[in-house]
Amino acid sequence: MKKFIKRVSLFGIILSVYMGGVFLVNLHYMNSENPALKWDDCKILAIGDSHLQLAINPQFLEFSKNISQPAEPYYISYWKVKKLLGINKNIDTVLLGFSYHNISACTDRLLINPNSAGDIFGRIYPIQELDDLKNVGIDKATYYKILVRKMCVYPYKSHTGYVGAYLAKTKSDVSNYESRIEKHFFIKKNLGEKNSGKEKTGKKNIGLSSVYLEYLNRIKNLCEEKHVKLILVTTPLYKEYLNRVPENIKDEYDRLKLKFTKEGVVVLDYSNAFSEDSDFFDCDHINKTGAEKFTKLIAKKLQSL
């Protein structure tokens, strides 16, 4: 028994030393990455979720970089802007995705939803400020599991998974507007009735995010501090999707547009800009053809600002 305990203890010590050493190596790599994140040819930074990721093609917008990623709420965008504006002093414009789903409470559930949390934690662990988030569910167990895997198991030379890129989609199918509306604005609700022994369910408006305004304001204030022009960009939406956005979300979106315009922030609402199905990847994203048209539209607009 004593031999067993000694062996287990020795194994634990060796494992701890190994993991601690790997952690220090990864920490060194992480702290040495600023030069790789310094883009001398970048003046325009496009940031947001998949809507902007598929919509801004840097090939048609000179001196721009698209770092958007899927399922990116405003608190993650803030962490990214904070990190990258501190490194890139030449950036003078930030294009931030701004649409109806961005202010929905669906964004507050991304870090606790098992379908999204692991992937997001795997990208944001170097820049996260989770302790600042209030009223947002966080799957801490999954986060720490990802953190150990990324920092203590194997040396990784790159820890910049939070930096995205433009993504081109060539297909077009706009038939998914019902499912996308439900995903963005509703949750399942138990109606309290039974039919054939099964609970009857419906859907409930999920409401507004608890933190969207705080982090929009943080991004705005940070851009002002860095003397960077912030431009809120609403990408084109398919008409059937747009017509089904709940009124409470539309009202708040319109209020925000007015608020930020009065505060000197440029708001470019192109939600109704495209009518051809062939410009869309699905009901709320545009495809490669649409992105070329849209990016050229943005480029022309920026010249007049």
C-alpha atoms as a PDB file:
ATOM      1  CA  MET A   1       0.000   0.000   0.000  1.00  0.00           C
ATOM      2  CA  LYS A   2       2.815   2.396   0.889  1.00  0.00           C
ATOM      3  CA  LYS A   3       4.522   1.667  -2.422  1.00  0.00           C
ATOM      4  CA  PHE A   4       1.298   2.396  -4.265  1.00  0.00           C
ATOM      5  CA  ILE A   5       0.847   5.720  -2.448  1.00  0.00           C
ATOM      6  CA  LYS A   6       4.466   6.677  -3.204  1.00  0.00           C
ATOM      7  CA  ARG A   7       4.020   5.855  -6.888  1.00  0.00           C
ATOM      8  CA  VAL A   8       0.794   7.822  -7.094  1.00  0.00           C
ATOM      9  CA  SER A   9       2.416  10.748  -5.309  1.00  0.00           C
ATOM     10  CA  LEU A  10       5.439  10.629  -7.610  1.00  0.00           C
ATOM     11  CA  PHE A  11       3.181  10.492 -10.652  1.00  0.00           C
ATOM     12  CA  GLY A  12       1.236  13.475  -9.319  1.00  0.00           C
ATOM     13  CA  ILE A  13       4.423  15.468  -8.775  1.00  0.00           C
ATOM     14  CA  ILE A  14       5.765  14.654 -12.257  1.00  0.00           C
ATOM     15  CA  LEU A  15       2.407  15.513 -13.848  1.00  0.00           C
ATOM     16  CA  SER A  16       2.194  18.799 -11.924  1.00  0.00           C
ATOM     17  CA  VAL A  17       5.732  19.777 -12.927  1.00  0.00           C
ATOM     18  CA  TYR A  18       5.036  18.909 -16.565  1.00  0.00           C
ATOM     19  CA  MET A  19       1.731  20.794 -16.698  1.00  0.00           C
ATOM     20  CA  GLY A  20       3.240  23.763 -14.877  1.00  0.00           C
ATOM     21  CA  GLY A  21       6.131  23.871 -17.333  1.00  0.00           C
ATOM     22  CA  VAL A  22       3.815  23.680 -20.342  1.00  0.00           C
ATOM     23  CA  PHE A  23       1.691  26.446 -18.844  1.00  0.00           C
ATOM     24  CA  LEU A  24       4.712  28.741 -18.549  1.00  0.00           C
ATOM     25  CA  VAL A  25       5.763  27.969 -22.123  1.00  0.00           C
ATOM     26  CA  ASN A  26       2.277  28.746 -23.430  1.00  0.00           C
ATOM     27  CA  LEU A  27       2.120  31.893 -21.335  1.00  0.00           C
ATOM     28  CA  HIS A  28       5.397  33.007 -22.898  1.00  0.00           C
ATOM     29  CA  TYR A  29       4.075  32.341 -26.404  1.00  0.00           C
ATOM     30  CA  MET A  30       0.864  34.192 -25.584  1.00  0.00           C
ATOM     31  CA  ASN A  31       2.715  37.240 -24.263  1.00  0.00           C
ATOM     32  CA  SER A  32       5.032  37.274 -27.295  1.00  0.00           C
ATOM     33  CA  GLU A  33       2.308  37.406 -29.943  1.00  0.00           C
ATOM     34  CA  ASN A  34       1.858  41.170 -30.227  1.00  0.00           C
ATOM     35  CA  PRO A  35       4.146  41.484 -33.280  1.00  0.00           C
ATOM     36  CA  ALA A  36       2.061  38.873 -35.110  1.00  0.00           C
ATOM     37  CA  LEU A  37      -1.076  40.887 -34.356  1.00  0.00           C
ATOM     38  CA  LYS A  38       0.392  44.158 -35.616  1.00  0.00           C
ATOM     39  CA  TRP A  39      -0.981  44.793 -39.095  1.00  0.00           C
ATOM     40  CA  ASP A  40       0.763  47.770 -40.663  1.00  0.00           C
ATOM     41  CA  ASP A  41      -1.515  47.730 -43.706  1.00  0.00           C
ATOM     42  CA  CYS A  42      -4.772  47.693 -41.711  1.00  0.00           C
ATOM     43  CA  LYS A  43      -6.734  50.903 -41.179  1.00  0.00           C
ATOM     44  CA  ILE A  44     -10.257  49.467 -41.182  1.00  0.00           C
ATOM     45  CA  LEU A  45     -11.192  46.673 -38.784  1.00  0.00           C
ATOM     46  CA  ALA A  46     -14.399  44.711 -39.415  1.00  0.00           C
ATOM     47  CA  ILE A  47     -15.586  42.899 -36.307  1.00  0.00           C
ATOM     48  CA  GLY A  48     -18.699  41.005 -35.325  1.00  0.00           C
ATOM     49  CA  ASP A  49     -20.322  37.627 -35.764  1.00  0.00           C
ATOM     50  CA  SER A  50     -20.958  35.468 -38.831  1.00  0.00           C
ATOM     51  CA  HIS A  51     -23.210  38.106 -40.420  1.00  0.00           C
ATOM     52  CA  LEU A  52     -20.293  40.493 -40.854  1.00  0.00           C
ATOM     53  CA  GLN A  53     -17.839  37.642 -41.387  1.00  0.00           C
ATOM     54  CA  LEU A  54     -19.679  36.642 -44.575  1.00  0.00           C
ATOM     55  CA  ALA A  55     -20.446  40.222 -45.639  1.00  0.00           C
ATOM     56  CA  ILE A  56     -17.149  42.169 -45.657  1.00  0.00           C
ATOM     57  CA  ASN A  57     -14.616  40.900 -48.190  1.00  0.00           C
ATOM     58  CA  PRO A  58     -11.297  42.753 -47.615  1.00  0.00           C
ATOM     59  CA  GLN A  59     -10.421  42.159 -51.267  1.00  0.00           C
ATOM     60  CA  PHE A  60     -12.869  44.946 -52.128  1.00  0.00           C
ATOM     61  CA  LEU A  61     -12.157  47.254 -49.180  1.00  0.00           C
ATOM     62  CA  GLU A  62      -8.634  48.652 -49.230  1.00  0.00           C
ATOM     63  CA  PHE A  63      -6.548  48.540 -46.030  1.00  0.00           C
ATOM     64  CA  SER A  64      -9.162  46.460 -44.201  1.00  0.00           C
ATOM     65  CA  LYS A  65      -9.115  43.275 -42.161  1.00  0.00           C
ATOM     66  CA  ASN A  66     -12.146  41.185 -41.245  1.00  0.00           C
ATOM     67  CA  ILE A  67     -11.658  39.441 -37.887  1.00  0.00           C
ATOM     68  CA  SER A  68     -15.298  38.440 -37.310  1.00  0.00           C
ATOM     69  CA  GLN A  69     -16.246  34.973 -36.065  1.00  0.00           C
ATOM     70  CA  PRO A  70     -19.459  32.962 -35.667  1.00  0.00           C
ATOM     71  CA  ALA A  71     -21.542  33.475 -32.511  1.00  0.00           C
ATOM     72  CA  GLU A  72     -19.665  36.573 -31.305  1.00  0.00           C
ATOM     73  CA  PRO A  73     -21.676  38.703 -28.852  1.00  0.00           C
ATOM     74  CA  TYR A  74     -20.720  42.276 -28.052  1.00  0.00           C
ATOM     75  CA  TYR A  75     -18.765  41.417 -24.925  1.00  0.00           C
ATOM     76  CA  ILE A  76     -16.352  39.296 -26.982  1.00  0.00           C
ATOM     77  CA  SER A  77     -16.130  42.002 -29.656  1.00  0.00           C
ATOM     78  CA  TYR A  78     -15.197  44.440 -26.899  1.00  0.00           C
ATOM     79  CA  TRP A  79     -12.402  42.189 -25.624  1.00  0.00           C
ATOM     80  CA  LYS A  80     -11.068  41.858 -29.177  1.00  0.00           C
ATOM     81  CA  VAL A  81     -11.232  45.590 -29.912  1.00  0.00           C
ATOM     82  CA  LYS A  82      -9.544  46.349 -26.596  1.00  0.00           C
ATOM     83  CA  LYS A  83      -6.686  43.953 -27.390  1.00  0.00           C
ATOM     84  CA  LEU A  84      -6.160  44.858 -31.042  1.00  0.00           C
ATOM     85  CA  LEU A  85      -6.528  48.643 -30.854  1.00  0.00           C
ATOM     86  CA  GLY A  86      -3.841  48.574 -28.178  1.00  0.00           C
ATOM     87  CA  ILE A  87      -1.459  46.982 -30.673  1.00  0.00           C
ATOM     88  CA  ASN A  88      -2.488  48.604 -33.983  1.00  0.00           C
ATOM     89  CA  LYS A  89      -2.177  52.374 -33.688  1.00  0.00           C
ATOM     90  CA  ASN A  90      -2.868  52.852 -37.410  1.00  0.00           C
ATOM     91  CA  ILE A  91      -6.468  51.588 -37.287  1.00  0.00           C
ATOM     92  CA  ASP A  92      -8.785  54.564 -37.713  1.00  0.00           C
ATOM     93  CA  THR A  93     -12.151  52.873 -38.375  1.00  0.00           C
ATOM     94  CA  VAL A  94     -14.031  49.988 -36.749  1.00  0.00           C
ATOM     95  CA  LEU A  95     -16.967  48.431 -38.592  1.00  0.00           C
ATOM     96  CA  LEU A  96     -19.086  46.655 -35.989  1.00  0.00           C
ATOM     97  CA  GLY A  97     -21.922  44.291 -36.887  1.00  0.00           C
ATOM     98  CA  PHE A  98     -25.231  45.663 -35.626  1.00  0.00           C
ATOM     99  CA  SER A  99     -28.413  43.755 -36.258  1.00  0.00           C
ATOM    100  CA  TYR A 100     -31.600  42.608 -34.566  1.00  0.00           C
ATOM    101  CA  HIS A 101     -30.245  39.331 -33.236  1.00  0.00           C
ATOM    102  CA  ASN A 102     -27.253  41.110 -31.664  1.00  0.00           C
ATOM    103  CA  ILE A 103     -29.500  42.669 -29.015  1.00  0.00           C
ATOM    104  CA  SER A 104     -31.539  39.537 -28.333  1.00  0.00           C
ATOM    105  CA  ALA A 105     -31.113  37.581 -25.105  1.00  0.00           C
ATOM    106  CA  CYS A 106     -30.000  34.616 -27.212  1.00  0.00           C
ATOM    107  CA  THR A 107     -26.494  36.115 -27.024  1.00  0.00           C
ATOM    108  CA  ASP A 108     -26.549  35.822 -23.214  1.00  0.00           C
ATOM    109  CA  ARG A 109     -26.843  32.041 -23.452  1.00  0.00           C
ATOM    110  CA  LEU A 110     -23.859  31.336 -25.702  1.00  0.00           C
ATOM    111  CA  LEU A 111     -21.394  30.619 -22.878  1.00  0.00           C
ATOM    112  CA  ILE A 112     -23.660  28.131 -21.159  1.00  0.00           C
ATOM    113  CA  ASN A 113     -25.157  26.438 -24.209  1.00  0.00           C
ATOM    114  CA  PRO A 114     -23.336  23.107 -24.747  1.00  0.00           C
ATOM    115  CA  ASN A 115     -23.587  23.583 -28.521  1.00  0.00           C
ATOM    116  CA  SER A 116     -21.572  26.804 -28.466  1.00  0.00           C
ATOM    117  CA  ALA A 117     -19.711  27.221 -25.166  1.00  0.00           C
ATOM    118  CA  GLY A 118     -16.799  24.864 -25.808  1.00  0.00           C
ATOM    119  CA  ASP A 119     -15.995  26.332 -29.217  1.00  0.00           C
ATOM    120  CA  ILE A 120     -16.189  29.910 -27.955  1.00  0.00           C
ATOM    121  CA  PHE A 121     -14.050  29.228 -24.860  1.00  0.00           C
ATOM    122  CA  GLY A 122     -11.459  27.643 -27.127  1.00  0.00           C
ATOM    123  CA  ARG A 123     -11.160  30.930 -29.012  1.00  0.00           C
ATOM    124  CA  ILE A 124     -11.424  33.575 -26.301  1.00  0.00           C
ATOM    125  CA  TYR A 125      -9.433  32.183 -23.371  1.00  0.00           C
ATOM    126  CA  PRO A 126      -6.436  34.521 -23.984  1.00  0.00           C
ATOM    127  CA  ILE A 127      -8.577  37.691 -23.878  1.00  0.00           C
ATOM    128  CA  GLN A 128     -11.597  36.755 -21.740  1.00  0.00           C
ATOM    129  CA  GLU A 129     -12.821  38.944 -18.881  1.00  0.00           C
ATOM    130  CA  LEU A 130     -15.502  36.566 -17.640  1.00  0.00           C
ATOM    131  CA  ASP A 131     -15.522  38.012 -14.135  1.00  0.00           C
ATOM    132  CA  ASP A 132     -16.939  41.263 -15.550  1.00  0.00           C
ATOM    133  CA  LEU A 133     -19.978  39.576 -17.057  1.00  0.00           C
ATOM    134  CA  LYS A 134     -23.151  39.991 -15.030  1.00  0.00           C
ATOM    135  CA  ASN A 135     -26.417  38.108 -15.600  1.00  0.00           C
ATOM    136  CA  VAL A 136     -24.773  35.945 -18.248  1.00  0.00           C
ATOM    137  CA  GLY A 137     -24.732  32.188 -17.800  1.00  0.00           C
ATOM    138  CA  ILE A 138     -21.206  30.717 -17.920  1.00  0.00           C
ATOM    139  CA  ASP A 139     -20.337  27.036 -18.019  1.00  0.00           C
ATOM    140  CA  LYS A 140     -17.300  27.328 -15.747  1.00  0.00           C
ATOM    141  CA  ALA A 141     -16.580  23.585 -15.809  1.00  0.00           C
ATOM    142  CA  THR A 142     -16.267  23.604 -19.596  1.00  0.00           C
ATOM    143  CA  TYR A 143     -14.203  26.790 -19.493  1.00  0.00           C
ATOM    144  CA  TYR A 144     -11.618  25.378 -17.073  1.00  0.00           C
ATOM    145  CA  LYS A 145     -11.467  22.126 -19.009  1.00  0.00           C
ATOM    146  CA  ILE A 146     -10.717  24.080 -22.201  1.00  0.00           C
ATOM    147  CA  LEU A 147      -8.204  26.277 -20.358  1.00  0.00           C
ATOM    148  CA  VAL A 148      -6.264  23.271 -19.048  1.00  0.00           C
ATOM    149  CA  ARG A 149      -6.289  21.682 -22.499  1.00  0.00           C
ATOM    150  CA  LYS A 150      -5.049  24.861 -24.182  1.00  0.00           C
ATOM    151  CA  MET A 151      -2.490  25.921 -21.592  1.00  0.00           C
ATOM    152  CA  CYS A 152      -1.246  22.863 -19.697  1.00  0.00           C
ATOM    153  CA  VAL A 153      -1.231  19.829 -21.973  1.00  0.00           C
ATOM    154  CA  TYR A 154       0.850  20.766 -25.007  1.00  0.00           C
ATOM    155  CA  PRO A 155       2.870  23.844 -26.060  1.00  0.00           C
ATOM    156  CA  TYR A 156       1.010  25.914 -28.680  1.00  0.00           C
ATOM    157  CA  LYS A 157       2.944  28.623 -30.465  1.00  0.00           C
ATOM    158  CA  SER A 158      -0.238  30.442 -31.463  1.00  0.00           C
ATOM    159  CA  HIS A 159      -2.990  31.615 -29.118  1.00  0.00           C
ATOM    160  CA  THR A 160      -4.808  33.927 -31.516  1.00  0.00           C
ATOM    161  CA  GLY A 161      -7.865  31.800 -32.205  1.00  0.00           C
ATOM    162  CA  TYR A 162     -10.059  34.806 -31.415  1.00  0.00           C
ATOM    163  CA  VAL A 163      -8.918  36.480 -34.650  1.00  0.00           C
ATOM    164  CA  GLY A 164     -11.317  35.501 -37.421  1.00  0.00           C
ATOM    165  CA  ALA A 165     -11.333  36.099 -41.160  1.00  0.00           C
ATOM    166  CA  TYR A 166     -13.679  36.692 -44.069  1.00  0.00           C
ATOM    167  CA  LEU A 167     -15.608  33.554 -44.998  1.00  0.00           C
ATOM    168  CA  ALA A 168     -16.979  33.072 -48.524  1.00  0.00           C
ATOM    169  CA  LYS A 169     -20.147  31.051 -49.092  1.00  0.00           C
ATOM    170  CA  THR A 170     -21.247  30.223 -52.629  1.00  0.00           C
ATOM    171  CA  LYS A 171     -24.591  28.496 -52.113  1.00  0.00           C
ATOM    172  CA  SER A 172     -27.999  30.108 -51.713  1.00  0.00           C
ATOM    173  CA  ASP A 173     -31.000  28.776 -49.775  1.00  0.00           C
ATOM    174  CA  VAL A 174     -33.258  31.284 -48.032  1.00  0.00           C
ATOM    175  CA  SER A 175     -35.883  28.802 -46.863  1.00  0.00           C
ATOM    176  CA  ASN A 176     -34.683  28.610 -43.232  1.00  0.00           C
ATOM    177  CA  TYR A 177     -36.248  31.881 -42.005  1.00  0.00           C
ATOM    178  CA  GLU A 178     -38.631  30.207 -39.536  1.00  0.00           C
ATOM    179  CA  SER A 179     -35.891  28.229 -37.785  1.00  0.00           C
ATOM    180  CA  ARG A 180     -33.519  31.213 -37.702  1.00  0.00           C
ATOM    181  CA  ILE A 181     -36.177  33.481 -36.209  1.00  0.00           C
ATOM    182  CA  GLU A 182     -36.879  30.898 -33.511  1.00  0.00           C
ATOM    183  CA  LYS A 183     -33.161  30.494 -32.768  1.00  0.00           C
ATOM    184  CA  HIS A 184     -32.560  34.239 -32.473  1.00  0.00           C
ATOM    185  CA  PHE A 185     -35.684  35.438 -30.669  1.00  0.00           C
ATOM    186  CA  PHE A 186     -37.591  32.602 -28.998  1.00  0.00           C
ATOM    187  CA  ILE A 187     -37.221  29.768 -26.492  1.00  0.00           C
ATOM    188  CA  LYS A 188     -39.385  26.711 -25.995  1.00  0.00           C
ATOM    189  CA  LYS A 189     -42.171  27.103 -23.451  1.00  0.00           C
ATOM    190  CA  ASN A 190     -44.135  24.451 -21.592  1.00  0.00           C
ATOM    191  CA  LEU A 191     -47.825  25.196 -22.116  1.00  0.00           C
ATOM    192  CA  GLY A 192     -48.865  23.094 -19.151  1.00  0.00           C
ATOM    193  CA  GLU A 193     -51.150  20.797 -21.118  1.00  0.00           C
ATOM    194  CA  LYS A 194     -50.812  17.143 -21.959  1.00  0.00           C
ATOM    195  CA  ASN A 195     -51.583  15.501 -25.265  1.00  0.00           C
ATOM    196  CA  SER A 196     -51.266  11.702 -25.540  1.00  0.00           C
ATOM    197  CA  GLY A 197     -49.170  11.646 -22.379  1.00  0.00           C
ATOM    198  CA  LYS A 198     -46.704  14.282 -23.597  1.00  0.00           C
ATOM    199  CA  GLU A 199     -46.207  17.838 -22.411  1.00  0.00           C
ATOM    200  CA  LYS A 200     -47.405  20.393 -24.926  1.00  0.00           C
ATOM    201  CA  THR A 201     -44.814  23.015 -25.810  1.00  0.00           C
ATOM    202  CA  GLY A 202     -44.844  26.350 -27.594  1.00  0.00           C
ATOM    203  CA  LYS A 203     -42.453  29.274 -27.904  1.00  0.00           C
ATOM    204  CA  LYS A 204     -41.796  32.392 -25.882  1.00  0.00           C
ATOM    205  CA  ASN A 205     -40.136  35.655 -26.883  1.00  0.00           C
ATOM    206  CA  ILE A 206     -36.717  35.523 -25.244  1.00  0.00           C
ATOM    207  CA  GLY A 207     -36.498  39.318 -24.891  1.00  0.00           C
ATOM    208  CA  LEU A 208     -33.487  41.607 -24.895  1.00  0.00           C
ATOM    209  CA  SER A 209     -29.934  40.823 -23.868  1.00  0.00           C
ATOM    210  CA  SER A 210     -28.992  41.932 -20.364  1.00  0.00           C
ATOM    211  CA  VAL A 211     -25.566  43.240 -21.407  1.00  0.00           C
ATOM    212  CA  TYR A 212     -25.775  44.417 -25.047  1.00  0.00           C
ATOM    213  CA  LEU A 213     -26.000  48.129 -24.233  1.00  0.00           C
ATOM    214  CA  GLU A 214     -23.195  48.035 -21.673  1.00  0.00           C
ATOM    215  CA  TYR A 215     -20.768  46.505 -24.141  1.00  0.00           C
ATOM    216  CA  LEU A 216     -21.905  48.592 -27.089  1.00  0.00           C
ATOM    217  CA  ASN A 217     -21.171  51.651 -24.951  1.00  0.00           C
ATOM    218  CA  ARG A 218     -17.808  50.201 -23.908  1.00  0.00           C
ATOM    219  CA  ILE A 219     -16.841  49.698 -27.544  1.00  0.00           C
ATOM    220  CA  LYS A 220     -18.007  53.222 -28.376  1.00  0.00           C
ATOM    221  CA  ASN A 221     -16.072  54.765 -25.466  1.00  0.00           C
ATOM    222  CA  LEU A 222     -12.926  52.782 -26.282  1.00  0.00           C
ATOM    223  CA  CYS A 223     -13.032  53.907 -29.921  1.00  0.00           C
ATOM    224  CA  GLU A 224     -13.451  57.530 -28.810  1.00  0.00           C
ATOM    225  CA  GLU A 225     -10.503  57.158 -26.431  1.00  0.00           C
ATOM    226  CA  LYS A 226      -8.341  55.766 -29.264  1.00  0.00           C
ATOM    227  CA  HIS A 227      -9.627  58.383 -31.765  1.00  0.00           C
ATOM    228  CA  VAL A 228     -11.139  55.644 -33.929  1.00  0.00           C
ATOM    229  CA  LYS A 229     -14.353  56.124 -35.891  1.00  0.00           C
ATOM    230  CA  LEU A 230     -16.981  53.557 -34.923  1.00  0.00           C
ATOM    231  CA  ILE A 231     -19.487  52.579 -37.618  1.00  0.00           C
ATOM    232  CA  LEU A 232     -22.393  50.244 -36.841  1.00  0.00           C
ATOM    233  CA  VAL A 233     -23.263  48.103 -39.854  1.00  0.00           C
ATOM    234  CA  THR A 234     -26.479  46.160 -40.414  1.00  0.00           C
ATOM    235  CA  THR A 235     -26.002  43.592 -43.159  1.00  0.00           C
ATOM    236  CA  PRO A 236     -28.788  42.647 -45.615  1.00  0.00           C
ATOM    237  CA  LEU A 237     -31.545  40.360 -44.405  1.00  0.00           C
ATOM    238  CA  TYR A 238     -33.963  38.298 -46.466  1.00  0.00           C
ATOM    239  CA  LYS A 239     -37.437  39.845 -46.511  1.00  0.00           C
ATOM    240  CA  GLU A 240     -39.192  36.845 -44.930  1.00  0.00           C
ATOM    241  CA  TYR A 241     -36.752  36.900 -42.008  1.00  0.00           C
ATOM    242  CA  LEU A 242     -36.969  40.658 -41.593  1.00  0.00           C
ATOM    243  CA  ASN A 243     -40.777  40.598 -41.584  1.00  0.00           C
ATOM    244  CA  ARG A 244     -40.782  38.097 -38.702  1.00  0.00           C
ATOM    245  CA  VAL A 245     -38.456  39.931 -36.310  1.00  0.00           C
ATOM    246  CA  PRO A 246     -40.464  40.566 -33.093  1.00  0.00           C
ATOM    247  CA  GLU A 247     -41.732  44.105 -32.551  1.00  0.00           C
ATOM    248  CA  ASN A 248     -39.970  44.525 -29.186  1.00  0.00           C
ATOM    249  CA  ILE A 249     -36.647  43.804 -30.897  1.00  0.00           C
ATOM    250  CA  LYS A 250     -37.403  46.171 -33.798  1.00  0.00           C
ATOM    251  CA  ASP A 251     -38.405  48.949 -31.389  1.00  0.00           C
ATOM    252  CA  GLU A 252     -35.188  48.628 -29.398  1.00  0.00           C
ATOM    253  CA  TYR A 253     -33.097  48.445 -32.556  1.00  0.00           C
ATOM    254  CA  ASP A 254     -34.699  51.685 -33.818  1.00  0.00           C
ATOM    255  CA  ARG A 255     -34.155  53.339 -30.429  1.00  0.00           C
ATOM    256  CA  LEU A 256     -30.496  52.361 -30.497  1.00  0.00           C
ATOM    257  CA  LYS A 257     -30.040  53.671 -34.025  1.00  0.00           C
ATOM    258  CA  LEU A 258     -31.388  57.057 -32.909  1.00  0.00           C
ATOM    259  CA  LYS A 259     -29.356  57.064 -29.696  1.00  0.00           C
ATOM    260  CA  PHE A 260     -26.036  56.307 -31.342  1.00  0.00           C
ATOM    261  CA  THR A 261     -26.663  58.652 -34.273  1.00  0.00           C
ATOM    262  CA  LYS A 262     -27.267  61.491 -31.813  1.00  0.00           C
ATOM    263  CA  GLU A 263     -24.002  60.564 -30.078  1.00  0.00           C
ATOM    264  CA  GLY A 264     -22.067  60.899 -33.334  1.00  0.00           C
ATOM    265  CA  VAL A 265     -21.814  57.216 -34.238  1.00  0.00           C
ATOM    266  CA  VAL A 266     -22.482  56.419 -37.899  1.00  0.00           C
ATOM    267  CA  VAL A 267     -25.172  53.747 -38.320  1.00  0.00           C
ATOM    268  CA  LEU A 268     -25.417  52.085 -41.730  1.00  0.00           C
ATOM    269  CA  ASP A 269     -28.666  50.128 -41.938  1.00  0.00           C
ATOM    270  CA  TYR A 270     -28.584  47.927 -45.038  1.00  0.00           C
ATOM    271  CA  SER A 271     -31.088  45.387 -43.745  1.00  0.00           C
ATOM    272  CA  ASN A 272     -33.342  46.089 -46.760  1.00  0.00           C
ATOM    273  CA  ALA A 273     -30.548  46.598 -49.285  1.00  0.00           C
ATOM    274  CA  PHE A 274     -30.808  43.294 -51.188  1.00  0.00           C
ATOM    275  CA  SER A 275     -33.892  41.703 -52.687  1.00  0.00           C
ATOM    276  CA  GLU A 276     -32.420  38.992 -54.925  1.00  0.00           C
ATOM    277  CA  ASP A 277     -32.333  35.491 -53.429  1.00  0.00           C
ATOM    278  CA  SER A 278     -29.068  34.832 -55.267  1.00  0.00           C
ATOM    279  CA  ASP A 279     -27.259  37.374 -53.060  1.00  0.00           C
ATOM    280  CA  PHE A 280     -28.035  35.420 -49.881  1.00  0.00           C
ATOM    281  CA  PHE A 281     -26.381  32.337 -48.419  1.00  0.00           C
ATOM    282  CA  ASP A 282     -29.404  31.836 -46.171  1.00  0.00           C
ATOM    283  CA  CYS A 283     -32.123  34.087 -44.800  1.00  0.00           C
ATOM    284  CA  ASP A 284     -29.822  36.219 -42.609  1.00  0.00           C
ATOM    285  CA  HIS A 285     -26.378  35.888 -44.245  1.00  0.00           C
ATOM    286  CA  ILE A 286     -25.216  36.999 -47.659  1.00  0.00           C
ATOM    287  CA  ASN A 287     -23.030  34.832 -49.887  1.00  0.00           C
ATOM    288  CA  LYS A 288     -19.888  35.513 -51.895  1.00  0.00           C
ATOM    289  CA  THR A 289     -21.797  37.317 -54.649  1.00  0.00           C
ATOM    290  CA  GLY A 290     -23.667  39.428 -52.129  1.00  0.00           C
ATOM    291  CA  ALA A 291     -20.478  40.146 -50.170  1.00  0.00           C
ATOM    292  CA  GLU A 292     -18.747  41.601 -53.218  1.00  0.00           C
ATOM    293  CA  LYS A 293     -21.688  43.926 -53.847  1.00  0.00           C
ATOM    294  CA  PHE A 294     -22.036  44.807 -50.186  1.00  0.00           C
ATOM    295  CA  THR A 295     -18.336  45.472 -49.567  1.00  0.00           C
ATOM    296  CA  LYS A 296     -18.175  47.754 -52.600  1.00  0.00           C
ATOM    297  CA  LEU A 297     -21.239  49.550 -51.238  1.00  0.00           C
ATOM    298  CA  ILE A 298     -19.530  50.020 -47.883  1.00  0.00           C
ATOM    299  CA  ALA A 299     -16.286  51.169 -49.538  1.00  0.00           C
ATOM    300  CA  LYS A 300     -18.145  53.823 -51.510  1.00  0.00           C
ATOM    301  CA  LYS A 301     -20.016  54.976 -48.407  1.00  0.00           C
ATOM    302  CA  LEU A 302     -16.817  55.283 -46.374  1.00  0.00           C
ATOM    303  CA  GLN A 303     -15.363  57.608 -48.995  1.00  0.00           C
ATOM    304  CA  SER A 304     -18.202  60.057 -48.346  1.00  0.00           C
ATOM    305  CA  LEU A 305     -17.936  60.043 -44.539  1.00  0.00           C
END
